Amino acid sequence: MNWRGMKMEGVLRALGTAAALGLVVGGFFNFSYGASPEITLRYAGDLPIGNHLTRAQEFFANRVDEITKGRVKVEVYPAGQLYSAKDYPKAVPSGAVDMAHCVLGQWAGLVPSLLVLDMPFYSMTGIIYGGLAIPGG
């Protein structure tokens, strides 16, 4: 059986060789243990400092720091310190801020289909199960 003039055995051998070479090279240049530059991400929020969602942002930042062993830092800016919530749809795509905690309906100007999330009686459980109304969903 030919594939663009190559026998199938040749194609499989070439793919296997490429995969093995990738594993060997990846083993020699294991970037997860080498010295890598620190990454700092800015996480904007507009809720007050004592709010439970702001505390969740801080928890997320601490977990990222733990998991990446300090290579990735997440700086949390609550209470509109960087931008107000209405500015997030412009600030995030422009790179002025890396992440923002916001209501998805604010993005409807860029992605109109997100307005469906603001529908009354909307249930994510109902969407997952084929759009059926599920009691308590």
Foldseek 3Di string as FASTA:
>chain_A
DDDVRDDPVVVVVVVVVVVVVVVVVCVVCVPLPDDDAAAEAEEEEQDDCPDPVNVVVVVVQVVVCVVSVNRYGYHYHYNQPPHHQLCVLVCCVVVVGPHYDHQQVSNCVVVVVSCVVVDPPDDPVCVVVPNDDDVPD
